[in-house]
Amino acid sequence: MPEDGIRSIANGKVWTGQQALGLKLIDQIGDFQTVVRETANAVGIRGKPSLVRLSQTASEPARPVIRRCFRISAGRG
């Protein structure tokens, strides 16, 4: 999508799934299991993927890294 197309819809509004699909912000509408299945398929995982969920305590050391990644992706590196 061209930058001016993004700017015309990047106004802080929360879009419904149907609206996001119409605006081509998403490829398809699905639930969490659909995302897991499609992602597993895209990266070549066969069969049912196993999901690992970190506890709040276990994820604590990763927070600074995650924050830095989001700053970089938002252009605030």
PDB file of N, CA and C in Angstrom:
ATOM      1  N   MET A   1       0.853  -1.171   0.000  1.00  0.00           N
ATOM      2  CA  MET A   1       0.000   0.000   0.000  1.00  0.00           C
ATOM      3  C   MET A   1       0.900   1.236   0.000  1.00  0.00           C
ATOM      4  N   PRO A   2       0.635   2.190  -0.859  1.00  0.00           N
ATOM      5  CA  PRO A   2       1.426   3.423  -0.898  1.00  0.00           C
ATOM      6  C   PRO A   2       1.275   4.213   0.410  1.00  0.00           C
ATOM      7  N   GLU A   3       2.284   5.009   0.716  1.00  0.00           N
ATOM      8  CA  GLU A   3       2.290   5.767   1.970  1.00  0.00           C
ATOM      9  C   GLU A   3       1.074   6.666   2.114  1.00  0.00           C
ATOM     10  N   ASP A   4       0.664   7.343   1.054  1.00  0.00           N
ATOM     11  CA  ASP A   4      -0.491   8.238   1.186  1.00  0.00           C
ATOM     12  C   ASP A   4      -1.776   7.444   1.449  1.00  0.00           C
ATOM     13  N   GLY A   5      -1.842   6.198   0.968  1.00  0.00           N
ATOM     14  CA  GLY A   5      -2.982   5.345   1.283  1.00  0.00           C
ATOM     15  C   GLY A   5      -3.010   4.987   2.757  1.00  0.00           C
ATOM     16  N   ILE A   6      -1.853   4.731   3.310  1.00  0.00           N
ATOM     17  CA  ILE A   6      -1.749   4.419   4.737  1.00  0.00           C
ATOM     18  C   ILE A   6      -2.109   5.647   5.567  1.00  0.00           C
ATOM     19  N   ARG A   7      -1.574   6.784   5.192  1.00  0.00           N
ATOM     20  CA  ARG A   7      -1.848   8.019   5.949  1.00  0.00           C
ATOM     21  C   ARG A   7      -3.333   8.364   5.983  1.00  0.00           C
ATOM     22  N   SER A   8      -4.046   8.023   4.925  1.00  0.00           N
ATOM     23  CA  SER A   8      -5.464   8.365   4.887  1.00  0.00           C
ATOM     24  C   SER A   8      -6.296   7.528   5.866  1.00  0.00           C
ATOM     25  N   ILE A   9      -5.779   6.372   6.300  1.00  0.00           N
ATOM     26  CA  ILE A   9      -6.522   5.542   7.251  1.00  0.00           C
ATOM     27  C   ILE A   9      -5.831   5.427   8.605  1.00  0.00           C
ATOM     28  N   ALA A  10      -4.605   5.942   8.733  1.00  0.00           N
ATOM     29  CA  ALA A  10      -3.853   5.854   9.993  1.00  0.00           C
ATOM     30  C   ALA A  10      -4.227   7.027  10.886  1.00  0.00           C
ATOM     31  N   ASN A  11      -5.422   6.955  11.439  1.00  0.00           N
ATOM     32  CA  ASN A  11      -5.921   8.074  12.230  1.00  0.00           C
ATOM     33  C   ASN A  11      -6.247   7.673  13.667  1.00  0.00           C
ATOM     34  N   GLY A  12      -5.791   6.491  14.071  1.00  0.00           N
ATOM     35  CA  GLY A  12      -6.043   6.038  15.431  1.00  0.00           C
ATOM     36  C   GLY A  12      -7.340   5.274  15.602  1.00  0.00           C
ATOM     37  N   LYS A  13      -8.103   5.142  14.552  1.00  0.00           N
ATOM     38  CA  LYS A  13      -9.370   4.431  14.626  1.00  0.00           C
ATOM     39  C   LYS A  13      -9.123   2.926  14.750  1.00  0.00           C
ATOM     40  N   VAL A  14      -9.991   2.255  15.471  1.00  0.00           N
ATOM     41  CA  VAL A  14      -9.969   0.801  15.549  1.00  0.00           C
ATOM     42  C   VAL A  14     -10.948   0.284  14.494  1.00  0.00           C
ATOM     43  N   TRP A  15     -10.443  -0.570  13.603  1.00  0.00           N
ATOM     44  CA  TRP A  15     -11.260  -1.078  12.511  1.00  0.00           C
ATOM     45  C   TRP A  15     -11.823  -2.451  12.867  1.00  0.00           C
ATOM     46  N   THR A  16     -13.025  -2.736  12.410  1.00  0.00           N
ATOM     47  CA  THR A  16     -13.559  -4.087  12.551  1.00  0.00           C
ATOM     48  C   THR A  16     -12.818  -4.997  11.576  1.00  0.00           C
ATOM     49  N   GLY A  17     -12.978  -6.286  11.757  1.00  0.00           N
ATOM     50  CA  GLY A  17     -12.358  -7.224  10.831  1.00  0.00           C
ATOM     51  C   GLY A  17     -12.816  -7.011   9.404  1.00  0.00           C
ATOM     52  N   GLN A  18     -14.121  -6.821   9.218  1.00  0.00           N
ATOM     53  CA  GLN A  18     -14.659  -6.601   7.877  1.00  0.00           C
ATOM     54  C   GLN A  18     -14.116  -5.311   7.258  1.00  0.00           C
ATOM     55  N   GLN A  19     -14.027  -4.255   8.073  1.00  0.00           N
ATOM     56  CA  GLN A  19     -13.492  -2.994   7.565  1.00  0.00           C
ATOM     57  C   GLN A  19     -12.019  -3.147   7.198  1.00  0.00           C
ATOM     58  N   ALA A  20     -11.249  -3.809   8.056  1.00  0.00           N
ATOM     59  CA  ALA A  20      -9.818  -4.012   7.797  1.00  0.00           C
ATOM     60  C   ALA A  20      -9.615  -4.837   6.530  1.00  0.00           C
ATOM     61  N   LEU A  21     -10.453  -5.828   6.314  1.00  0.00           N
ATOM     62  CA  LEU A  21     -10.365  -6.644   5.109  1.00  0.00           C
ATOM     63  C   LEU A  21     -10.641  -5.787   3.879  1.00  0.00           C
ATOM     64  N   GLY A  22     -11.685  -4.974   3.946  1.00  0.00           N
ATOM     65  CA  GLY A  22     -12.027  -4.086   2.830  1.00  0.00           C
ATOM     66  C   GLY A  22     -10.945  -3.060   2.527  1.00  0.00           C
ATOM     67  N   LEU A  23     -10.225  -2.642   3.576  1.00  0.00           N
ATOM     68  CA  LEU A  23      -9.145  -1.661   3.415  1.00  0.00           C
ATOM     69  C   LEU A  23      -7.808  -2.318   3.068  1.00  0.00           C
ATOM     70  N   LYS A  24      -7.820  -3.643   2.970  1.00  0.00           N
ATOM     71  CA  LYS A  24      -6.628  -4.444   2.663  1.00  0.00           C
ATOM     72  C   LYS A  24      -5.550  -4.311   3.733  1.00  0.00           C
ATOM     73  N   LEU A  25      -5.999  -4.121   4.986  1.00  0.00           N
ATOM     74  CA  LEU A  25      -5.067  -4.104   6.108  1.00  0.00           C
ATOM     75  C   LEU A  25      -4.756  -5.528   6.562  1.00  0.00           C
ATOM     76  N   ILE A  26      -5.636  -6.459   6.223  1.00  0.00           N
ATOM     77  CA  ILE A  26      -5.451  -7.868   6.551  1.00  0.00           C
ATOM     78  C   ILE A  26      -5.756  -8.706   5.314  1.00  0.00           C
ATOM     79  N   ASP A  27      -5.234  -9.937   5.293  1.00  0.00           N
ATOM     80  CA  ASP A  27      -5.463 -10.838   4.166  1.00  0.00           C
ATOM     81  C   ASP A  27      -6.754 -11.630   4.308  1.00  0.00           C
ATOM     82  N   GLN A  28      -7.074 -11.978   5.558  1.00  0.00           N
ATOM     83  CA  GLN A  28      -8.272 -12.763   5.808  1.00  0.00           C
ATOM     84  C   GLN A  28      -8.708 -12.579   7.248  1.00  0.00           C
ATOM     85  N   ILE A  29      -9.921 -13.000   7.524  1.00  0.00           N
ATOM     86  CA  ILE A  29     -10.448 -12.933   8.879  1.00  0.00           C
ATOM     87  C   ILE A  29     -10.379 -14.332   9.474  1.00  0.00           C
ATOM     88  N   GLY A  30      -9.875 -14.430  10.684  1.00  0.00           N
ATOM     89  CA  GLY A  30      -9.790 -15.724  11.342  1.00  0.00           C
ATOM     90  C   GLY A  30      -9.602 -15.551  12.836  1.00  0.00           C
ATOM     91  N   ASP A  31      -9.685 -16.660  13.541  1.00  0.00           N
ATOM     92  CA  ASP A  31      -9.484 -16.630  14.981  1.00  0.00           C
ATOM     93  C   ASP A  31      -8.048 -17.035  15.316  1.00  0.00           C
ATOM     94  N   PHE A  32      -7.747 -17.151  16.596  1.00  0.00           N
ATOM     95  CA  PHE A  32      -6.393 -17.466  17.042  1.00  0.00           C
ATOM     96  C   PHE A  32      -5.906 -18.785  16.438  1.00  0.00           C
ATOM     97  N   GLN A  33      -6.767 -19.797  16.423  1.00  0.00           N
ATOM     98  CA  GLN A  33      -6.362 -21.095  15.874  1.00  0.00           C
ATOM     99  C   GLN A  33      -6.053 -20.996  14.384  1.00  0.00           C
ATOM    100  N   THR A  34      -6.779 -20.165  13.664  1.00  0.00           N
ATOM    101  CA  THR A  34      -6.493 -19.956  12.245  1.00  0.00           C
ATOM    102  C   THR A  34      -5.108 -19.353  12.073  1.00  0.00           C
ATOM    103  N   VAL A  35      -4.775 -18.386  12.901  1.00  0.00           N
ATOM    104  CA  VAL A  35      -3.457 -17.743  12.838  1.00  0.00           C
ATOM    105  C   VAL A  35      -2.360 -18.762  13.121  1.00  0.00           C
ATOM    106  N   VAL A  36      -2.555 -19.570  14.154  1.00  0.00           N
ATOM    107  CA  VAL A  36      -1.551 -20.582  14.502  1.00  0.00           C
ATOM    108  C   VAL A  36      -1.377 -21.554  13.333  1.00  0.00           C
ATOM    109  N   ARG A  37      -2.474 -22.049  12.781  1.00  0.00           N
ATOM    110  CA  ARG A  37      -2.422 -23.011  11.675  1.00  0.00           C
ATOM    111  C   ARG A  37      -1.745 -22.404  10.444  1.00  0.00           C
ATOM    112  N   GLU A  38      -2.147 -21.186  10.070  1.00  0.00           N
ATOM    113  CA  GLU A  38      -1.569 -20.535   8.885  1.00  0.00           C
ATOM    114  C   GLU A  38      -0.081 -20.232   9.075  1.00  0.00           C
ATOM    115  N   THR A  39       0.287 -19.787  10.266  1.00  0.00           N
ATOM    116  CA  THR A  39       1.695 -19.494  10.542  1.00  0.00           C
ATOM    117  C   THR A  39       2.529 -20.764  10.495  1.00  0.00           C
ATOM    118  N   ALA A  40       2.035 -21.829  11.130  1.00  0.00           N
ATOM    119  CA  ALA A  40       2.744 -23.109  11.110  1.00  0.00           C
ATOM    120  C   ALA A  40       2.932 -23.590   9.677  1.00  0.00           C
ATOM    121  N   ASN A  41       1.899 -23.488   8.889  1.00  0.00           N
ATOM    122  CA  ASN A  41       1.978 -23.897   7.488  1.00  0.00           C
ATOM    123  C   ASN A  41       3.006 -23.054   6.730  1.00  0.00           C
ATOM    124  N   ALA A  42       3.006 -21.751   6.967  1.00  0.00           N
ATOM    125  CA  ALA A  42       3.913 -20.843   6.254  1.00  0.00           C
ATOM    126  C   ALA A  42       5.383 -21.122   6.559  1.00  0.00           C
ATOM    127  N   VAL A  43       5.667 -21.613   7.762  1.00  0.00           N
ATOM    128  CA  VAL A  43       7.064 -21.872   8.131  1.00  0.00           C
ATOM    129  C   VAL A  43       7.422 -23.357   8.044  1.00  0.00           C
ATOM    130  N   GLY A  44       6.514 -24.167   7.502  1.00  0.00           N
ATOM    131  CA  GLY A  44       6.829 -25.559   7.239  1.00  0.00           C
ATOM    132  C   GLY A  44       6.653 -26.526   8.397  1.00  0.00           C
ATOM    133  N   ILE A  45       5.885 -26.149   9.398  1.00  0.00           N
ATOM    134  CA  ILE A  45       5.614 -27.069  10.505  1.00  0.00           C
ATOM    135  C   ILE A  45       4.527 -28.027  10.062  1.00  0.00           C
ATOM    136  N   ARG A  46       4.794 -29.325  10.206  1.00  0.00           N
ATOM    137  CA  ARG A  46       3.795 -30.339   9.834  1.00  0.00           C
ATOM    138  C   ARG A  46       3.091 -30.837  11.086  1.00  0.00           C
ATOM    139  N   GLY A  47       1.830 -31.173  10.955  1.00  0.00           N
ATOM    140  CA  GLY A  47       1.067 -31.641  12.100  1.00  0.00           C
ATOM    141  C   GLY A  47       0.636 -30.474  12.975  1.00  0.00           C
ATOM    142  N   LYS A  48       0.186 -30.821  14.160  1.00  0.00           N
ATOM    143  CA  LYS A  48      -0.297 -29.795  15.087  1.00  0.00           C
ATOM    144  C   LYS A  48       0.885 -29.144  15.802  1.00  0.00           C
ATOM    145  N   PRO A  49       1.056 -27.821  15.653  1.00  0.00           N
ATOM    146  CA  PRO A  49       2.165 -27.150  16.338  1.00  0.00           C
ATOM    147  C   PRO A  49       1.917 -27.078  17.841  1.00  0.00           C
ATOM    148  N   SER A  50       2.993 -27.113  18.609  1.00  0.00           N
ATOM    149  CA  SER A  50       2.844 -26.930  20.061  1.00  0.00           C
ATOM    150  C   SER A  50       3.161 -25.477  20.382  1.00  0.00           C
ATOM    151  N   LEU A  51       2.354 -24.898  21.230  1.00  0.00           N
ATOM    152  CA  LEU A  51       2.537 -23.505  21.616  1.00  0.00           C
ATOM    153  C   LEU A  51       3.169 -23.449  22.996  1.00  0.00           C
ATOM    154  N   VAL A  52       4.128 -22.557  23.157  1.00  0.00           N
ATOM    155  CA  VAL A  52       4.773 -22.357  24.446  1.00  0.00           C
ATOM    156  C   VAL A  52       4.372 -20.981  24.935  1.00  0.00           C
ATOM    157  N   ARG A  53       3.812 -20.940  26.101  1.00  0.00           N
ATOM    158  CA  ARG A  53       3.393 -19.661  26.687  1.00  0.00           C
ATOM    159  C   ARG A  53       4.246 -19.385  27.908  1.00  0.00           C
ATOM    160  N   LEU A  54       4.940 -18.275  27.879  1.00  0.00           N
ATOM    161  CA  LEU A  54       5.791 -17.907  29.003  1.00  0.00           C
ATOM    162  C   LEU A  54       4.965 -17.283  30.110  1.00  0.00           C
ATOM    163  N   SER A  55       5.341 -17.580  31.314  1.00  0.00           N
ATOM    164  CA  SER A  55       4.686 -16.929  32.442  1.00  0.00           C
ATOM    165  C   SER A  55       5.145 -15.477  32.495  1.00  0.00           C
ATOM    166  N   GLN A  56       4.448 -14.674  33.241  1.00  0.00           N
ATOM    167  CA  GLN A  56       4.809 -13.259  33.390  1.00  0.00           C
ATOM    168  C   GLN A  56       6.241 -13.135  33.909  1.00  0.00           C
ATOM    169  N   THR A  57       6.601 -13.955  34.887  1.00  0.00           N
ATOM    170  CA  THR A  57       7.940 -13.904  35.477  1.00  0.00           C
ATOM    171  C   THR A  57       8.996 -14.325  34.464  1.00  0.00           C
ATOM    172  N   ALA A  58       8.723 -15.379  33.703  1.00  0.00           N
ATOM    173  CA  ALA A  58       9.694 -15.878  32.734  1.00  0.00           C
ATOM    174  C   ALA A  58       9.929 -14.875  31.607  1.00  0.00           C
ATOM    175  N   SER A  59       8.920 -14.084  31.249  1.00  0.00           N
ATOM    176  CA  SER A  59       9.072 -13.147  30.137  1.00  0.00           C
ATOM    177  C   SER A  59       9.704 -11.820  30.566  1.00  0.00           C
ATOM    178  N   GLU A  60       9.843 -11.605  31.845  1.00  0.00           N
ATOM    179  CA  GLU A  60      10.364 -10.328  32.352  1.00  0.00           C
ATOM    180  C   GLU A  60      11.732  -9.953  31.752  1.00  0.00           C
ATOM    181  N   PRO A  61      12.715 -10.866  31.669  1.00  0.00           N
ATOM    182  CA  PRO A  61      14.017 -10.484  31.091  1.00  0.00           C
ATOM    183  C   PRO A  61      13.942 -10.046  29.629  1.00  0.00           C
ATOM    184  N   ALA A  62      12.915 -10.464  28.914  1.00  0.00           N
ATOM    185  CA  ALA A  62      12.794 -10.116  27.492  1.00  0.00           C
ATOM    186  C   ALA A  62      12.182  -8.737  27.264  1.00  0.00           C
ATOM    187  N   ARG A  63      11.577  -8.151  28.265  1.00  0.00           N
ATOM    188  CA  ARG A  63      10.869  -6.881  28.070  1.00  0.00           C
ATOM    189  C   ARG A  63      11.735  -5.770  27.480  1.00  0.00           C
ATOM    190  N   PRO A  64      12.959  -5.538  27.976  1.00  0.00           N
ATOM    191  CA  PRO A  64      13.767  -4.471  27.370  1.00  0.00           C
ATOM    192  C   PRO A  64      14.067  -4.724  25.893  1.00  0.00           C
ATOM    193  N   VAL A  65      14.288  -5.967  25.528  1.00  0.00           N
ATOM    194  CA  VAL A  65      14.566  -6.307  24.134  1.00  0.00           C
ATOM    195  C   VAL A  65      13.326  -6.051  23.282  1.00  0.00           C
ATOM    196  N   ILE A  66      12.174  -6.467  23.777  1.00  0.00           N
ATOM    197  CA  ILE A  66      10.924  -6.262  23.041  1.00  0.00           C
ATOM    198  C   ILE A  66      10.642  -4.770  22.882  1.00  0.00           C
ATOM    199  N   ARG A  67      10.823  -4.005  23.946  1.00  0.00           N
ATOM    200  CA  ARG A  67      10.601  -2.546  23.850  1.00  0.00           C
ATOM    201  C   ARG A  67      11.514  -1.928  22.805  1.00  0.00           C
ATOM    202  N   ARG A  68      12.788  -2.345  22.798  1.00  0.00           N
ATOM    203  CA  ARG A  68      13.743  -1.802  21.828  1.00  0.00           C
ATOM    204  C   ARG A  68      13.315  -2.165  20.404  1.00  0.00           C
ATOM    205  N   CYS A  69      12.870  -3.382  20.184  1.00  0.00           N
ATOM    206  CA  CYS A  69      12.422  -3.798  18.861  1.00  0.00           C
ATOM    207  C   CYS A  69      11.262  -2.939  18.388  1.00  0.00           C
ATOM    208  N   PHE A  70      10.302  -2.666  19.272  1.00  0.00           N
ATOM    209  CA  PHE A  70       9.150  -1.858  18.881  1.00  0.00           C
ATOM    210  C   PHE A  70       9.574  -0.420  18.600  1.00  0.00           C
ATOM    211  N   ARG A  71      10.520   0.114  19.340  1.00  0.00           N
ATOM    212  CA  ARG A  71      11.004   1.474  19.053  1.00  0.00           C
ATOM    213  C   ARG A  71      11.671   1.516  17.690  1.00  0.00           C
ATOM    214  N   ILE A  72      12.459   0.493  17.373  1.00  0.00           N
ATOM    215  CA  ILE A  72      13.139   0.458  16.078  1.00  0.00           C
ATOM    216  C   ILE A  72      12.111   0.338  14.951  1.00  0.00           C
ATOM    217  N   SER A  73      11.130  -0.565  15.108  1.00  0.00           N
ATOM    218  CA  SER A  73      10.155  -0.748  14.031  1.00  0.00           C
ATOM    219  C   SER A  73       9.265   0.477  13.867  1.00  0.00           C
ATOM    220  N   ALA A  74       9.125   1.272  14.927  1.00  0.00           N
ATOM    221  CA  ALA A  74       8.308   2.488  14.832  1.00  0.00           C
ATOM    222  C   ALA A  74       9.139   3.687  14.390  1.00  0.00           C
ATOM    223  N   GLY A  75      10.408   3.438  14.056  1.00  0.00           N
ATOM    224  CA  GLY A  75      11.261   4.517  13.578  1.00  0.00           C
ATOM    225  C   GLY A  75      11.803   5.416  14.667  1.00  0.00           C
ATOM    226  N   ARG A  76      11.809   4.915  15.897  1.00  0.00           N
ATOM    227  CA  ARG A  76      12.304   5.735  17.006  1.00  0.00           C
ATOM    228  C   ARG A  76      13.610   5.189  17.554  1.00  0.00           C
ATOM    229  N   GLY A  77      14.274   4.251  16.809  1.00  0.00           N
ATOM    230  CA  GLY A  77      15.485   3.542  17.194  1.00  0.00           C
ATOM    231  C   GLY A  77      16.430   4.280  18.002  1.00  0.00           C
TER     232      GLY A  77
END
